[in-house]
Protein backbone atom coordinates (compact mmCIF):
# COMPACT_ATOMS: atom_id res chain seq x y z
CA MET A 1 -30.89 76.19 -19.97
CA ASN A 2 -29.86 77.85 -23.20
CA GLY A 3 -27.12 76.68 -25.61
CA PHE A 4 -24.41 79.02 -24.30
CA THR A 5 -24.83 77.86 -20.71
CA ALA A 6 -24.76 74.20 -21.79
CA ALA A 7 -21.57 74.73 -23.81
CA LEU A 8 -19.96 76.59 -20.92
CA SER A 9 -20.93 73.80 -18.51
CA LEU A 10 -19.50 71.18 -20.86
CA LEU A 11 -16.25 73.14 -21.18
CA ALA A 12 -15.98 73.48 -17.40
CA LEU A 13 -16.60 69.74 -16.98
CA ALA A 14 -13.90 68.92 -19.58
CA LEU A 15 -11.42 71.22 -17.83
CA LEU A 16 -12.25 69.61 -14.50
CA VAL A 17 -11.63 66.13 -15.95
CA VAL A 18 -8.30 67.19 -17.48
CA ALA A 19 -7.22 68.82 -14.22
CA GLY A 20 -8.22 65.67 -12.34
CA VAL A 21 -6.17 63.47 -14.65
CA TYR A 22 -3.13 65.73 -14.26
CA GLY A 23 -3.60 65.78 -10.48
CA ALA A 24 -3.86 61.99 -10.34
CA ALA A 25 -0.72 61.68 -12.47
CA GLN A 26 1.19 63.96 -10.10
CA ALA A 27 -0.09 62.13 -7.02
CA LEU A 28 0.59 58.62 -8.33
CA ARG A 29 3.99 59.33 -9.90
CA VAL A 30 6.71 57.09 -8.52
CA SER A 31 9.78 59.29 -8.85
CA SER A 32 10.63 62.51 -10.59
CA GLU A 33 14.31 61.63 -10.95
CA PRO A 34 15.25 60.24 -14.37
CA LEU A 35 16.59 56.71 -14.65
CA PRO A 36 20.25 56.28 -15.57
CA ALA A 37 20.64 56.11 -19.33
CA ARG A 38 22.28 52.77 -20.08
CA PRO A 39 21.68 50.60 -23.11
CA PHE A 40 19.96 47.31 -22.42
CA GLY A 41 21.68 44.18 -23.66
CA SER A 42 20.15 41.19 -21.89
CA GLY A 43 21.28 42.52 -18.52
CA LEU A 44 24.94 42.55 -19.46
CA ASP A 45 27.21 45.57 -19.24
CA PRO A 46 27.78 47.14 -22.67
CA THR A 47 31.09 46.31 -24.32
CA GLU A 48 30.99 49.05 -26.97
CA HIS A 49 29.45 52.46 -27.48
CA ALA A 50 25.74 52.55 -28.32
CA VAL A 51 26.29 54.40 -31.61
CA SER A 52 29.30 52.39 -32.75
CA ARG A 53 29.57 51.49 -36.41
CA PHE A 54 28.59 48.11 -37.74
CA HIS A 55 30.83 46.04 -39.95
CA MET A 56 30.16 46.45 -43.67
CA ARG A 57 29.05 42.82 -44.06
CA TRP A 58 25.90 43.54 -42.04
CA TYR A 59 24.74 45.97 -44.72
CA THR A 60 25.18 43.32 -47.39
CA VAL A 61 23.22 40.78 -45.37
CA THR A 62 20.53 43.39 -44.82
CA MET A 63 20.27 44.06 -48.55
CA LEU A 64 19.98 40.33 -49.25
CA PHE A 65 17.24 40.05 -46.63
CA LEU A 66 15.34 42.97 -48.15
CA ALA A 67 15.66 41.47 -51.62
CA PHE A 68 14.12 38.21 -50.50
CA ASP A 69 11.54 40.04 -48.43
CA MET A 70 10.47 41.96 -51.52
CA GLU A 71 10.37 38.67 -53.40
CA MET A 72 7.72 37.40 -51.00
CA VAL A 73 5.81 40.68 -51.24
CA PHE A 74 5.60 40.25 -55.03
CA MET A 75 5.00 36.49 -54.98
CA TYR A 76 1.92 36.50 -52.77
CA PRO A 77 -0.32 38.56 -55.09
CA TRP A 78 1.15 36.66 -58.04
CA THR A 79 -0.12 33.37 -56.59
CA LEU A 80 -3.61 34.81 -56.31
CA VAL A 81 -3.87 35.87 -59.97
CA ILE A 82 -1.75 33.18 -61.67
CA SER A 83 -4.74 31.28 -63.02
CA VAL A 84 -6.24 34.42 -64.57
CA THR A 85 -3.10 35.85 -66.17
CA GLY A 86 -1.81 32.63 -67.73
CA PRO A 87 1.64 31.37 -68.65
CA GLY A 88 3.10 34.85 -69.23
CA ALA A 89 2.98 35.50 -65.49
CA VAL A 90 4.88 32.27 -64.82
CA ILE A 91 7.64 33.34 -67.19
CA GLU A 92 7.80 36.81 -65.63
CA MET A 93 8.08 35.35 -62.13
CA PHE A 94 10.89 33.01 -63.13
CA VAL A 95 12.73 35.95 -64.74
CA PHE A 96 12.28 37.88 -61.48
CA LEU A 97 13.56 34.92 -59.46
CA GLY A 98 16.49 34.61 -61.86
CA VAL A 99 17.46 38.24 -61.25
CA LEU A 100 17.33 37.66 -57.49
CA LEU A 101 19.32 34.44 -57.81
CA SER A 102 21.97 36.22 -59.85
CA GLY A 103 22.24 38.80 -57.05
CA VAL A 104 22.77 36.04 -54.50
CA VAL A 105 25.38 34.36 -56.71
CA TYR A 106 27.17 37.69 -57.10
CA ALA A 107 27.13 38.30 -53.33
CA TRP A 108 28.36 34.77 -52.71
CA ARG A 109 31.15 35.15 -55.27
CA GLU A 110 32.25 38.47 -53.75
CA GLY A 111 32.43 36.86 -50.30
CA ALA A 112 29.56 38.78 -48.73
CA LEU A 113 28.27 35.64 -47.04
CA ARG A 114 31.63 34.67 -45.56
CA TRP A 115 31.93 35.46 -41.85
CA ALA A 116 35.58 34.68 -41.28
């Protein structure tokens, strides 16, 4: 068997496998009708439209979450190299935490954390 015949046999085998998979998918398919498009909310009927707007306070809470999430992203590597870098890294981290704390104080003062 030369190389061309082997390649042609391999291609035919691959096409046969693909056709078999498609045939099995068609034979084992449950239903071809699409399911009704309804948003899922713990089994309850939806009370508002799926693309309704959120209240502005959710964006503020999201920004606060991302700020503290980024704090943890920066603090983990900092804890690994603190002994090598020395006291300058401690000062830099406390300045960073101070900036984040001032953001929280500002959000608190503006009423972003009030829900009523």
